[in-house]
Amino acid sequence: MKHSALAFVATALVALSAPALADKTAGNVMDDNTVNAEVKAALLDTKGVPSSQIVVETYKGIVLMSGFVESKAQKDAAGKAAMGVKGATKVHNALAIAPENSMGSKLDDTVITTKVKAALMDDSDVKSGQINVETKGGIVSLGGFVTGEKMQKRAIEVAKGTKGVKSVVDAMYVKPAG
């Protein structure tokens, strides 16, 4: 009787927890948060890398880096630091290279970022919460894990159509199926 009761409880626990784990591997969310934190720490420890200008996101072990750096050397160093993190299965280094800009340009960039974010929110084909918008010298970087290529393309169109945008860097990554 004891064994059948224990078997029933074990079966019930497995049955109740299965739907919660259906889309994720064991500890996937925690692993992604850990990888993300470790990549950010590695960037902080990497000499010459402007870690505060780099946006890091992780989805199922895939690390996405977006934002701006001033040189290819900084971009490469950031990518190498991210690849050295345990649990990072792939690194999508979508950092854009742009020189440092003036205070006046920074203010203009803030206005452009706000306009692009508003335009993305107004577009019914774009889930704007999935997209990070960064601007430097009128160059807009769109980053984040998005649900499909259609939305990715539409977000780029919307950003390019925003007044003040000189060009758009596609730093988005389409989430893998499954």
N, C-alpha and C. Protein backbone atom coordinates (compact mmCIF):
# COMPACT_ATOMS: atom_id res chain seq x y z
N MET A 1 0.82 -1.20 0.00
CA MET A 1 0.00 0.00 0.00
C MET A 1 0.87 1.26 0.00
N LYS A 2 1.95 1.25 0.84
CA LYS A 2 2.84 2.40 0.90
C LYS A 2 3.48 2.66 -0.47
N HIS A 3 3.91 1.57 -1.13
CA HIS A 3 4.58 1.73 -2.42
C HIS A 3 3.64 2.29 -3.48
N SER A 4 2.40 1.85 -3.47
CA SER A 4 1.47 2.36 -4.47
C SER A 4 1.11 3.82 -4.19
N ALA A 5 1.06 4.21 -2.93
CA ALA A 5 0.79 5.61 -2.59
C ALA A 5 1.96 6.49 -3.02
N LEU A 6 3.20 6.04 -2.78
CA LEU A 6 4.37 6.79 -3.20
C LEU A 6 4.45 6.87 -4.72
N ALA A 7 4.12 5.79 -5.39
CA ALA A 7 4.13 5.79 -6.86
C ALA A 7 3.10 6.78 -7.39
N PHE A 8 1.93 6.82 -6.74
CA PHE A 8 0.89 7.76 -7.16
C PHE A 8 1.36 9.20 -6.99
N VAL A 9 1.97 9.51 -5.85
CA VAL A 9 2.45 10.87 -5.57
C VAL A 9 3.54 11.24 -6.58
N ALA A 10 4.48 10.35 -6.86
CA ALA A 10 5.55 10.63 -7.82
C ALA A 10 4.98 10.85 -9.21
N THR A 11 4.02 10.02 -9.61
CA THR A 11 3.40 10.18 -10.92
C THR A 11 2.65 11.51 -11.01
N ALA A 12 1.96 11.87 -9.96
CA ALA A 12 1.22 13.14 -9.94
C ALA A 12 2.16 14.32 -10.05
N LEU A 13 3.29 14.26 -9.34
CA LEU A 13 4.26 15.37 -9.40
C LEU A 13 4.82 15.52 -10.81
N VAL A 14 5.16 14.41 -11.44
CA VAL A 14 5.68 14.48 -12.80
C VAL A 14 4.63 15.03 -13.76
N ALA A 15 3.39 14.55 -13.61
CA ALA A 15 2.31 15.00 -14.50
C ALA A 15 2.02 16.49 -14.32
N LEU A 16 2.08 16.97 -13.09
CA LEU A 16 1.79 18.38 -12.83
C LEU A 16 2.92 19.30 -13.27
N SER A 17 4.17 18.81 -13.21
CA SER A 17 5.29 19.68 -13.57
C SER A 17 5.60 19.65 -15.06
N ALA A 18 5.14 18.65 -15.78
CA ALA A 18 5.46 18.52 -17.22
C ALA A 18 5.06 19.73 -18.04
N PRO A 19 3.83 20.29 -17.88
CA PRO A 19 3.48 21.46 -18.70
C PRO A 19 4.39 22.66 -18.46
N ALA A 20 4.85 22.85 -17.26
CA ALA A 20 5.71 23.98 -16.95
C ALA A 20 7.07 23.85 -17.62
N LEU A 21 7.51 22.61 -17.86
CA LEU A 21 8.82 22.38 -18.44
C LEU A 21 8.78 22.14 -19.94
N ALA A 22 7.59 22.15 -20.51
CA ALA A 22 7.42 21.77 -21.91
C ALA A 22 8.27 22.59 -22.87
N ASP A 23 8.39 23.89 -22.67
CA ASP A 23 9.12 24.75 -23.59
C ASP A 23 10.57 24.97 -23.19
N LYS A 24 10.95 24.52 -22.02
CA LYS A 24 12.28 24.82 -21.52
C LYS A 24 12.98 23.56 -21.03
N THR A 25 14.28 23.58 -21.13
CA THR A 25 15.06 22.52 -20.53
C THR A 25 15.18 22.83 -19.05
N ALA A 26 15.62 21.85 -18.28
CA ALA A 26 15.74 22.04 -16.83
C ALA A 26 16.65 23.22 -16.52
N GLY A 27 16.12 24.16 -15.79
CA GLY A 27 16.91 25.31 -15.36
C GLY A 27 17.23 26.31 -16.45
N ASN A 28 16.52 26.25 -17.58
CA ASN A 28 16.85 27.11 -18.72
C ASN A 28 16.81 28.59 -18.39
N VAL A 29 15.75 29.02 -17.72
CA VAL A 29 15.63 30.44 -17.39
C VAL A 29 16.75 30.86 -16.45
N MET A 30 17.00 30.05 -15.42
CA MET A 30 18.06 30.38 -14.48
C MET A 30 19.42 30.35 -15.18
N ASP A 31 19.63 29.37 -16.07
CA ASP A 31 20.88 29.30 -16.80
C ASP A 31 21.09 30.54 -17.65
N ASP A 32 20.06 31.00 -18.35
CA ASP A 32 20.17 32.19 -19.18
C ASP A 32 20.51 33.42 -18.34
N ASN A 33 19.87 33.55 -17.19
CA ASN A 33 20.16 34.68 -16.31
C ASN A 33 21.60 34.62 -15.81
N THR A 34 22.08 33.42 -15.49
CA THR A 34 23.45 33.25 -15.03
C THR A 34 24.44 33.58 -16.14
N VAL A 35 24.19 33.04 -17.34
CA VAL A 35 25.07 33.33 -18.48
C VAL A 35 25.10 34.83 -18.75
N ASN A 36 23.93 35.46 -18.74
CA ASN A 36 23.84 36.90 -18.98
C ASN A 36 24.70 37.68 -17.98
N ALA A 37 24.55 37.35 -16.70
CA ALA A 37 25.31 38.04 -15.65
C ALA A 37 26.81 37.80 -15.82
N GLU A 38 27.18 36.58 -16.18
CA GLU A 38 28.61 36.27 -16.34
C GLU A 38 29.20 36.96 -17.57
N VAL A 39 28.42 37.09 -18.63
CA VAL A 39 28.90 37.83 -19.81
C VAL A 39 29.12 39.30 -19.44
N LYS A 40 28.16 39.88 -18.72
CA LYS A 40 28.30 41.29 -18.32
C LYS A 40 29.54 41.47 -17.43
N ALA A 41 29.77 40.52 -16.53
CA ALA A 41 30.96 40.59 -15.66
C ALA A 41 32.23 40.46 -16.49
N ALA A 42 32.22 39.56 -17.48
CA ALA A 42 33.39 39.38 -18.33
C ALA A 42 33.68 40.65 -19.14
N LEU A 43 32.63 41.32 -19.59
CA LEU A 43 32.81 42.58 -20.33
C LEU A 43 33.41 43.66 -19.43
N LEU A 44 32.94 43.71 -18.18
CA LEU A 44 33.49 44.68 -17.23
C LEU A 44 34.98 44.43 -16.99
N ASP A 45 35.37 43.17 -16.99
CA ASP A 45 36.77 42.80 -16.73
C ASP A 45 37.66 42.94 -17.96
N THR A 46 37.08 43.17 -19.13
CA THR A 46 37.86 43.25 -20.36
C THR A 46 38.32 44.68 -20.59
N LYS A 47 39.63 44.86 -20.53
CA LYS A 47 40.22 46.19 -20.67
C LYS A 47 39.90 46.78 -22.04
N GLY A 48 39.48 48.05 -22.04
CA GLY A 48 39.23 48.77 -23.27
C GLY A 48 37.85 48.56 -23.88
N VAL A 49 37.02 47.75 -23.24
CA VAL A 49 35.66 47.50 -23.76
C VAL A 49 34.67 48.37 -22.99
N PRO A 50 33.91 49.21 -23.70
CA PRO A 50 32.93 50.08 -23.02
C PRO A 50 31.67 49.28 -22.64
N SER A 51 31.78 48.50 -21.58
CA SER A 51 30.70 47.57 -21.20
C SER A 51 29.37 48.26 -20.95
N SER A 52 29.40 49.51 -20.53
CA SER A 52 28.14 50.22 -20.26
C SER A 52 27.37 50.55 -21.54
N GLN A 53 28.04 50.45 -22.69
CA GLN A 53 27.38 50.75 -23.96
C GLN A 53 26.92 49.47 -24.69
N ILE A 54 27.08 48.33 -24.03
CA ILE A 54 26.74 47.05 -24.65
C ILE A 54 25.52 46.44 -23.96
N VAL A 55 24.53 46.11 -24.76
CA VAL A 55 23.33 45.44 -24.26
C VAL A 55 23.54 43.94 -24.46
N VAL A 56 23.34 43.18 -23.38
CA VAL A 56 23.53 41.73 -23.44
C VAL A 56 22.20 41.06 -23.12
N GLU A 57 21.81 40.13 -23.98
CA GLU A 57 20.61 39.32 -23.75
C GLU A 57 20.97 37.87 -24.03
N THR A 58 20.31 36.95 -23.33
CA THR A 58 20.56 35.52 -23.53
C THR A 58 19.25 34.78 -23.64
N TYR A 59 19.17 33.87 -24.63
CA TYR A 59 17.99 33.04 -24.83
C TYR A 59 18.45 31.63 -25.17
N LYS A 60 18.14 30.70 -24.27
CA LYS A 60 18.51 29.29 -24.44
C LYS A 60 20.00 29.14 -24.77
N GLY A 61 20.83 29.88 -24.05
CA GLY A 61 22.27 29.79 -24.21
C GLY A 61 22.86 30.65 -25.31
N ILE A 62 22.02 31.24 -26.16
CA ILE A 62 22.50 32.11 -27.24
C ILE A 62 22.64 33.52 -26.68
N VAL A 63 23.84 34.06 -26.77
CA VAL A 63 24.11 35.40 -26.25
C VAL A 63 24.05 36.39 -27.41
N LEU A 64 23.28 37.44 -27.23
CA LEU A 64 23.15 38.52 -28.21
C LEU A 64 23.74 39.79 -27.61
N MET A 65 24.69 40.37 -28.32
CA MET A 65 25.25 41.65 -27.88
C MET A 65 24.92 42.71 -28.92
N SER A 66 24.31 43.80 -28.46
CA SER A 66 23.98 44.92 -29.34
C SER A 66 24.43 46.21 -28.66
N GLY A 67 24.36 47.29 -29.40
CA GLY A 67 24.81 48.58 -28.89
C GLY A 67 25.97 49.07 -29.74
N PHE A 68 26.79 49.94 -29.16
CA PHE A 68 27.86 50.58 -29.93
C PHE A 68 29.21 50.48 -29.23
N VAL A 69 30.24 50.30 -30.03
CA VAL A 69 31.63 50.41 -29.58
C VAL A 69 32.34 51.31 -30.60
N GLU A 70 33.55 51.74 -30.25
CA GLU A 70 34.24 52.71 -31.12
C GLU A 70 35.19 52.07 -32.13
N SER A 71 35.49 50.77 -31.98
CA SER A 71 36.44 50.16 -32.91
C SER A 71 36.16 48.66 -33.08
N LYS A 72 36.73 48.12 -34.16
CA LYS A 72 36.62 46.69 -34.41
C LYS A 72 37.34 45.92 -33.31
N ALA A 73 38.42 46.45 -32.81
CA ALA A 73 39.17 45.80 -31.72
C ALA A 73 38.29 45.64 -30.48
N GLN A 74 37.50 46.69 -30.15
CA GLN A 74 36.59 46.60 -29.01
C GLN A 74 35.50 45.57 -29.27
N LYS A 75 34.97 45.54 -30.49
CA LYS A 75 33.93 44.58 -30.85
C LYS A 75 34.47 43.16 -30.73
N ASP A 76 35.65 42.94 -31.27
CA ASP A 76 36.27 41.61 -31.21
C ASP A 76 36.57 41.18 -29.78
N ALA A 77 37.06 42.10 -28.96
CA ALA A 77 37.38 41.79 -27.57
C ALA A 77 36.10 41.44 -26.79
N ALA A 78 35.02 42.16 -27.07
CA ALA A 78 33.74 41.87 -26.41
C ALA A 78 33.24 40.48 -26.81
N GLY A 79 33.35 40.16 -28.10
CA GLY A 79 32.93 38.85 -28.57
C GLY A 79 33.74 37.72 -27.95
N LYS A 80 35.05 37.93 -27.85
CA LYS A 80 35.93 36.92 -27.25
C LYS A 80 35.58 36.73 -25.77
N ALA A 81 35.32 37.82 -25.07
CA ALA A 81 34.95 37.72 -23.65
C ALA A 81 33.66 36.93 -23.47
N ALA A 82 32.67 37.19 -24.33
CA ALA A 82 31.38 36.49 -24.24
C ALA A 82 31.54 35.01 -24.56
N MET A 83 32.35 34.70 -25.57
CA MET A 83 32.54 33.30 -25.95
C MET A 83 33.24 32.49 -24.86
N GLY A 84 33.97 33.17 -23.98
CA GLY A 84 34.67 32.49 -22.90
C GLY A 84 33.80 32.14 -21.71
N VAL A 85 32.53 32.52 -21.75
CA VAL A 85 31.63 32.27 -20.62
C VAL A 85 31.01 30.87 -20.74
N LYS A 86 31.13 30.11 -19.67
CA LYS A 86 30.55 28.77 -19.64
C LYS A 86 29.03 28.88 -19.76
N GLY A 87 28.44 28.08 -20.62
CA GLY A 87 26.99 28.10 -20.81
C GLY A 87 26.56 28.92 -22.02
N ALA A 88 27.48 29.72 -22.56
CA ALA A 88 27.18 30.48 -23.78
C ALA A 88 27.41 29.53 -24.96
N THR A 89 26.31 29.03 -25.55
CA THR A 89 26.42 28.06 -26.63
C THR A 89 26.73 28.71 -27.97
N LYS A 90 26.33 29.97 -28.11
CA LYS A 90 26.57 30.72 -29.34
C LYS A 90 26.59 32.20 -28.98
N VAL A 91 27.43 32.97 -29.66
CA VAL A 91 27.47 34.42 -29.44
C VAL A 91 27.17 35.12 -30.75
N HIS A 92 26.11 35.95 -30.73
CA HIS A 92 25.75 36.77 -31.89
C HIS A 92 26.22 38.19 -31.57
N ASN A 93 27.41 38.52 -32.08
CA ASN A 93 28.02 39.81 -31.79
C ASN A 93 27.54 40.82 -32.83
N ALA A 94 26.47 41.53 -32.50
CA ALA A 94 25.87 42.50 -33.42
C ALA A 94 26.21 43.93 -33.01
N LEU A 95 27.36 44.12 -32.37
CA LEU A 95 27.77 45.46 -31.97
C LEU A 95 28.09 46.30 -33.20
N ALA A 96 27.61 47.53 -33.19
CA ALA A 96 27.88 48.47 -34.28
C ALA A 96 29.08 49.33 -33.88
N ILE A 97 29.84 49.71 -34.89
CA ILE A 97 31.02 50.54 -34.64
C ILE A 97 30.69 51.98 -35.03
N ALA A 98 30.83 52.89 -34.07
CA ALA A 98 30.56 54.31 -34.30
C ALA A 98 31.45 55.13 -33.37
N PRO A 99 32.00 56.22 -33.86
CA PRO A 99 32.87 57.05 -33.02
C PRO A 99 32.08 57.75 -31.92
N GLU A 100 32.79 58.16 -30.90
CA GLU A 100 32.17 58.93 -29.81
C GLU A 100 31.57 60.20 -30.39
N ASN A 101 30.44 60.63 -29.84
CA ASN A 101 29.80 61.83 -30.39
C ASN A 101 29.70 62.93 -29.34
N SER A 102 29.36 64.13 -29.80
CA SER A 102 29.30 65.31 -28.93
C SER A 102 28.04 65.30 -28.06
N MET A 103 28.01 66.19 -27.09
CA MET A 103 26.85 66.30 -26.20
C MET A 103 25.59 66.66 -26.98
N GLY A 104 25.71 67.57 -27.94
CA GLY A 104 24.56 67.96 -28.76
C GLY A 104 24.04 66.78 -29.56
N SER A 105 24.94 65.99 -30.10
CA SER A 105 24.56 64.80 -30.86
C SER A 105 23.89 63.77 -29.96
N LYS A 106 24.37 63.68 -28.71
CA LYS A 106 23.77 62.74 -27.76
C LYS A 106 22.31 63.13 -27.47
N LEU A 107 22.06 64.42 -27.37
CA LEU A 107 20.68 64.88 -27.15
C LEU A 107 19.80 64.56 -28.36
N ASP A 108 20.34 64.80 -29.56
CA ASP A 108 19.61 64.44 -30.78
C ASP A 108 19.32 62.94 -30.82
N ASP A 109 20.30 62.15 -30.42
CA ASP A 109 20.13 60.69 -30.41
C ASP A 109 19.03 60.25 -29.46
N THR A 110 18.92 60.93 -28.32
CA THR A 110 17.87 60.60 -27.36
C THR A 110 16.49 60.87 -27.98
N VAL A 111 16.37 61.96 -28.70
CA VAL A 111 15.10 62.28 -29.37
C VAL A 111 14.79 61.24 -30.44
N ILE A 112 15.79 60.86 -31.22
CA ILE A 112 15.59 59.85 -32.27
C ILE A 112 15.17 58.52 -31.65
N THR A 113 15.85 58.11 -30.58
CA THR A 113 15.51 56.86 -29.90
C THR A 113 14.05 56.87 -29.45
N THR A 114 13.63 57.98 -28.87
CA THR A 114 12.24 58.12 -28.40
C THR A 114 11.26 58.01 -29.56
N LYS A 115 11.58 58.68 -30.67
CA LYS A 115 10.70 58.63 -31.85
C LYS A 115 10.60 57.21 -32.41
N VAL A 116 11.73 56.52 -32.49
CA VAL A 116 11.72 55.15 -33.03
C VAL A 116 10.93 54.22 -32.11
N LYS A 117 11.14 54.33 -30.81
CA LYS A 117 10.39 53.50 -29.86
C LYS A 117 8.89 53.74 -29.99
N ALA A 118 8.50 55.00 -30.10
CA ALA A 118 7.08 55.34 -30.25
C ALA A 118 6.52 54.77 -31.55
N ALA A 119 7.27 54.89 -32.63
CA ALA A 119 6.82 54.35 -33.93
C ALA A 119 6.68 52.83 -33.87
N LEU A 120 7.61 52.15 -33.20
CA LEU A 120 7.53 50.69 -33.07
C LEU A 120 6.31 50.29 -32.23
N MET A 121 6.04 51.07 -31.18
CA MET A 121 4.88 50.77 -30.33
C MET A 121 3.57 50.96 -31.09
N ASP A 122 3.54 51.92 -32.00
CA ASP A 122 2.34 52.22 -32.77
C ASP A 122 2.08 51.21 -33.88
N ASP A 123 3.08 50.43 -34.25
CA ASP A 123 2.93 49.49 -35.37
C ASP A 123 2.38 48.16 -34.86
N SER A 124 1.24 47.73 -35.41
CA SER A 124 0.59 46.51 -34.94
C SER A 124 1.34 45.23 -35.32
N ASP A 125 2.27 45.31 -36.26
CA ASP A 125 3.03 44.13 -36.68
C ASP A 125 4.32 43.93 -35.88
N VAL A 126 4.59 44.84 -34.94
CA VAL A 126 5.83 44.78 -34.17
C VAL A 126 5.51 44.65 -32.69
N LYS A 127 6.16 43.69 -32.04
CA LYS A 127 6.07 43.57 -30.58
C LYS A 127 7.25 44.36 -30.03
N SER A 128 7.01 45.63 -29.77
CA SER A 128 8.10 46.55 -29.43
C SER A 128 8.81 46.17 -28.14
N GLY A 129 8.15 45.44 -27.26
CA GLY A 129 8.79 45.02 -26.02
C GLY A 129 9.94 44.06 -26.22
N GLN A 130 10.03 43.46 -27.41
CA GLN A 130 11.11 42.52 -27.70
C GLN A 130 12.34 43.23 -28.30
N ILE A 131 12.23 44.53 -28.55
CA ILE A 131 13.29 45.23 -29.29
C ILE A 131 13.90 46.35 -28.45
N ASN A 132 15.24 46.33 -28.37
CA ASN A 132 15.99 47.42 -27.74
C ASN A 132 16.37 48.41 -28.82
N VAL A 133 16.25 49.68 -28.51
CA VAL A 133 16.62 50.73 -29.47
C VAL A 133 17.74 51.57 -28.86
N GLU A 134 18.85 51.64 -29.58
CA GLU A 134 19.99 52.46 -29.18
C GLU A 134 20.34 53.35 -30.38
N THR A 135 20.76 54.58 -30.12
CA THR A 135 21.11 55.49 -31.21
C THR A 135 22.43 56.18 -30.90
N LYS A 136 23.27 56.28 -31.93
CA LYS A 136 24.54 56.99 -31.79
C LYS A 136 24.83 57.67 -33.12
N GLY A 137 24.92 59.01 -33.09
CA GLY A 137 25.22 59.76 -34.31
C GLY A 137 24.17 59.58 -35.39
N GLY A 138 22.92 59.37 -34.98
CA GLY A 138 21.83 59.17 -35.94
C GLY A 138 21.72 57.75 -36.47
N ILE A 139 22.66 56.89 -36.08
CA ILE A 139 22.60 55.48 -36.45
C ILE A 139 21.82 54.74 -35.38
N VAL A 140 20.77 54.04 -35.80
CA VAL A 140 19.90 53.33 -34.86
C VAL A 140 20.24 51.85 -34.88
N SER A 141 20.42 51.28 -33.72
CA SER A 141 20.64 49.85 -33.58
C SER A 141 19.39 49.24 -32.95
N LEU A 142 18.82 48.25 -33.65
CA LEU A 142 17.65 47.52 -33.13
C LEU A 142 18.14 46.15 -32.70
N GLY A 143 18.02 45.85 -31.42
CA GLY A 143 18.51 44.58 -30.90
C GLY A 143 17.44 43.85 -30.11
N GLY A 144 17.64 42.56 -29.95
CA GLY A 144 16.75 41.75 -29.13
C GLY A 144 16.37 40.47 -29.84
N PHE A 145 15.83 39.54 -29.07
CA PHE A 145 15.34 38.29 -29.62
C PHE A 145 13.89 38.50 -30.05
N VAL A 146 13.62 38.33 -31.33
CA VAL A 146 12.29 38.56 -31.87
C VAL A 146 11.67 37.24 -32.33
N THR A 147 10.35 37.22 -32.48
CA THR A 147 9.64 35.97 -32.75
C THR A 147 9.59 35.57 -34.22
N GLY A 148 9.97 36.45 -35.14
CA GLY A 148 9.93 36.05 -36.55
C GLY A 148 10.59 37.06 -37.46
N GLU A 149 10.93 36.58 -38.67
CA GLU A 149 11.58 37.44 -39.65
C GLU A 149 10.67 38.57 -40.14
N LYS A 150 9.36 38.30 -40.22
CA LYS A 150 8.41 39.33 -40.67
C LYS A 150 8.46 40.54 -39.73
N MET A 151 8.45 40.27 -38.42
CA MET A 151 8.50 41.35 -37.45
C MET A 151 9.86 42.05 -37.51
N GLN A 152 10.92 41.29 -37.68
CA GLN A 152 12.26 41.85 -37.78
C GLN A 152 12.33 42.84 -38.95
N LYS A 153 11.87 42.42 -40.11
CA LYS A 153 11.89 43.28 -41.30
C LYS A 153 11.02 44.51 -41.11
N ARG A 154 9.85 44.32 -40.51
CA ARG A 154 8.94 45.45 -40.30
C ARG A 154 9.55 46.47 -39.35
N ALA A 155 10.20 46.01 -38.29
CA ALA A 155 10.84 46.92 -37.33
C ALA A 155 11.91 47.77 -38.02
N ILE A 156 12.66 47.15 -38.91
CA ILE A 156 13.70 47.88 -39.65
C ILE A 156 13.05 48.94 -40.54
N GLU A 157 11.97 48.58 -41.23
CA GLU A 157 11.25 49.54 -42.09
C GLU A 157 10.75 50.73 -41.27
N VAL A 158 10.16 50.44 -40.12
CA VAL A 158 9.61 51.50 -39.26
C VAL A 158 10.74 52.43 -38.81
N ALA A 159 11.84 51.86 -38.36
CA ALA A 159 12.97 52.68 -37.89
C ALA A 159 13.53 53.54 -39.02
N LYS A 160 13.71 52.94 -40.20
CA LYS A 160 14.25 53.70 -41.34
C LYS A 160 13.33 54.85 -41.74
N GLY A 161 12.04 54.71 -41.51
CA GLY A 161 11.08 55.75 -41.86
C GLY A 161 10.93 56.84 -40.82
N THR A 162 11.69 56.76 -39.75
CA THR A 162 11.61 57.75 -38.68
C THR A 162 12.54 58.93 -38.97
N LYS A 163 12.00 60.13 -38.84
CA LYS A 163 12.77 61.35 -39.12
C LYS A 163 14.01 61.42 -38.24
N GLY A 164 15.14 61.74 -38.87
CA GLY A 164 16.40 61.89 -38.16
C GLY A 164 17.30 60.66 -38.19
N VAL A 165 16.74 59.52 -38.61
CA VAL A 165 17.51 58.28 -38.66
C VAL A 165 18.37 58.27 -39.92
N LYS A 166 19.69 58.16 -39.74
CA LYS A 166 20.62 58.11 -40.88
C LYS A 166 20.72 56.70 -41.45
N SER A 167 20.78 55.71 -40.56
CA SER A 167 20.83 54.31 -40.98
C SER A 167 20.39 53.43 -39.82
N VAL A 168 20.11 52.16 -40.14
CA VAL A 168 19.64 51.22 -39.12
C VAL A 168 20.55 49.99 -39.13
N VAL A 169 20.99 49.60 -37.94
CA VAL A 169 21.78 48.38 -37.77
C VAL A 169 20.84 47.31 -37.24
N ASP A 170 20.75 46.20 -37.95
CA ASP A 170 19.91 45.08 -37.51
C ASP A 170 20.70 44.19 -36.57
N ALA A 171 20.48 44.37 -35.28
CA ALA A 171 21.12 43.54 -34.26
C ALA A 171 20.11 42.59 -33.64
N MET A 172 18.99 42.36 -34.34
CA MET A 172 17.96 41.45 -33.81
C MET A 172 18.32 40.02 -34.18
N TYR A 173 17.77 39.10 -33.42
CA TYR A 173 18.03 37.67 -33.63
C TYR A 173 16.67 36.96 -33.54
N VAL A 174 16.33 36.23 -34.57
CA VAL A 174 15.05 35.50 -34.56
C VAL A 174 15.21 34.28 -33.66
N LYS A 175 14.31 34.17 -32.68
CA LYS A 175 14.34 33.05 -31.74
C LYS A 175 14.25 31.73 -32.50
N PRO A 176 15.10 30.78 -32.12
CA PRO A 176 14.99 29.47 -32.78
C PRO A 176 13.69 28.78 -32.39
N ALA A 177 13.13 28.02 -33.34
CA ALA A 177 11.88 27.30 -33.09
C ALA A 177 12.14 26.20 -32.07
N GLY A 178 11.10 25.93 -31.28
CA GLY A 178 11.21 24.84 -30.30
C GLY A 178 11.61 25.35 -29.02
